[in-house]
């Protein structure tokens, strides 16, 4: 599947903006890409025909999501909540294959 450079940029921008809280609209895409409405419509139509984008809702399909990530798109990293530190005993605990209540048995 061959898509133009502008279509690839649209794909990556839709991926990046979809994870933000802002509403995704065609005028916003035009401003961010610096293209006219006609150029944007051509790129969106090409992506829709390829099955990468839902043109009505401006949402990526699953294939479009995979293609955007594979082409190097990234979203802004959100700070994650710090995980609670694991108890000290759990970190040093050996891996056990059987429960303590049952007798060990041979495993093939």
Protein backbone atom coordinates (compact mmCIF):
# COMPACT_ATOMS: atom_id res chain seq x y z
CA UNK A 1 0.00 0.00 0.00
CA UNK A 2 1.48 3.31 -1.10
CA UNK A 3 0.31 6.58 0.42
CA UNK A 4 1.56 10.08 -0.27
CA UNK A 5 3.77 12.01 2.12
CA UNK A 6 0.87 14.30 3.02
CA UNK A 7 -1.38 11.33 3.75
CA UNK A 8 1.33 9.90 6.01
CA UNK A 9 1.57 13.23 7.84
CA UNK A 10 -2.23 13.29 8.25
CA UNK A 11 -2.14 9.76 9.61
CA UNK A 12 0.55 10.65 12.14
CA UNK A 13 -1.17 13.88 13.17
CA UNK A 14 -4.54 12.17 13.65
CA UNK A 15 -2.77 9.61 15.84
CA UNK A 16 -1.10 12.32 17.93
CA UNK A 17 -4.21 14.48 18.28
CA UNK A 18 -6.53 11.56 19.04
CA UNK A 19 -4.78 10.91 22.32
CA UNK A 20 -5.15 14.55 23.40
CA UNK A 21 -8.36 15.84 24.88
CA UNK A 22 -9.00 18.31 22.04
CA UNK A 23 -11.71 17.75 19.44
CA UNK A 24 -10.33 16.68 16.09
CA UNK A 25 -11.71 18.76 13.21
CA UNK A 26 -10.73 19.34 9.59
CA UNK A 27 -9.93 23.05 10.11
CA UNK A 28 -7.62 22.12 12.99
CA UNK A 29 -5.85 19.56 10.78
CA UNK A 30 -5.52 22.15 7.99
CA UNK A 31 -3.91 24.66 10.34
CA UNK A 32 -1.54 22.14 11.92
CA UNK A 33 -0.43 20.76 8.54
CA UNK A 34 -0.41 24.12 6.73
CA UNK A 35 -2.40 22.81 3.77
CA UNK A 36 -5.60 23.84 2.00
CA UNK A 37 -8.95 22.13 2.46
CA UNK A 38 -8.66 20.51 -0.98
CA UNK A 39 -5.25 18.99 -0.22
CA UNK A 40 -6.49 17.72 3.14
CA UNK A 41 -9.61 16.22 1.55
CA UNK A 42 -7.47 14.40 -1.03
CA UNK A 43 -5.26 12.94 1.71
CA UNK A 44 -8.24 11.95 3.89
CA UNK A 45 -9.95 10.33 0.89
CA UNK A 46 -6.79 8.38 0.08
CA UNK A 47 -6.52 7.15 3.68
CA UNK A 48 -10.22 6.23 3.75
CA UNK A 49 -9.92 4.24 0.51
CA UNK A 50 -6.92 2.41 1.97
CA UNK A 51 -8.96 1.51 5.04
CA UNK A 52 -6.71 3.45 7.42
CA UNK A 53 -9.07 6.25 8.45
CA UNK A 54 -12.79 6.75 8.97
CA UNK A 55 -13.31 9.96 6.96
CA UNK A 56 -16.60 10.93 8.63
CA UNK A 57 -15.37 10.76 12.22
CA UNK A 58 -11.65 11.40 11.53
CA UNK A 59 -10.73 8.31 13.53
CA UNK A 60 -8.08 5.73 12.74
CA UNK A 61 -9.09 2.18 12.02
CA UNK A 62 -7.14 -0.61 13.68
CA UNK A 63 -5.05 -0.98 10.54
CA UNK A 64 -4.51 2.78 10.47
CA UNK A 65 -3.40 2.74 14.08
CA UNK A 66 -0.83 0.04 13.36
CA UNK A 67 0.35 1.88 10.25
CA UNK A 68 0.69 5.18 12.14
CA UNK A 69 2.76 3.58 14.88
CA UNK A 70 4.90 1.74 12.34
CA UNK A 71 5.59 4.98 10.48
CA UNK A 72 6.97 6.60 13.61
CA UNK A 73 3.99 8.49 15.01
CA UNK A 74 4.10 9.23 18.69
CA UNK A 75 1.72 10.81 21.12
CA UNK A 76 2.71 13.10 23.91
CA UNK A 77 3.75 11.01 26.86
CA UNK A 78 1.45 11.51 29.79
CA UNK A 79 2.98 11.28 33.23
CA UNK A 80 1.97 8.04 34.83
CA UNK A 81 1.20 7.65 38.47
CA UNK A 82 4.13 6.24 40.37
CA UNK A 83 3.66 2.59 41.16
CA UNK A 84 3.69 1.64 44.77
CA UNK A 85 6.96 0.04 45.73
CA UNK A 86 6.70 -3.72 46.07
CA UNK A 87 7.20 -5.07 49.56
CA UNK A 88 10.80 -6.02 50.22
CA UNK A 89 9.94 -9.67 50.92
CA UNK A 90 8.14 -10.04 47.57
CA UNK A 91 11.17 -8.87 45.63
CA UNK A 92 13.44 -11.49 47.18
CA UNK A 93 10.91 -14.33 47.17
CA UNK A 94 11.93 -17.34 45.09
CA UNK A 95 9.70 -18.49 42.28
CA UNK A 96 7.64 -21.49 43.34
CA UNK A 97 5.94 -23.83 40.94
CA UNK A 98 3.63 -25.51 43.41
CA UNK A 99 1.48 -24.38 46.22
CA UNK A 100 2.78 -25.07 49.72
CA UNK A 101 -0.26 -27.21 50.48
CA UNK A 102 0.36 -29.81 47.80
CA UNK A 103 3.16 -32.30 47.58
CA UNK A 104 5.75 -31.70 44.83
CA UNK A 105 5.28 -33.81 41.73
CA UNK A 106 7.31 -34.48 38.63
CA UNK A 107 6.79 -32.11 35.74
CA UNK A 108 7.59 -33.20 32.21
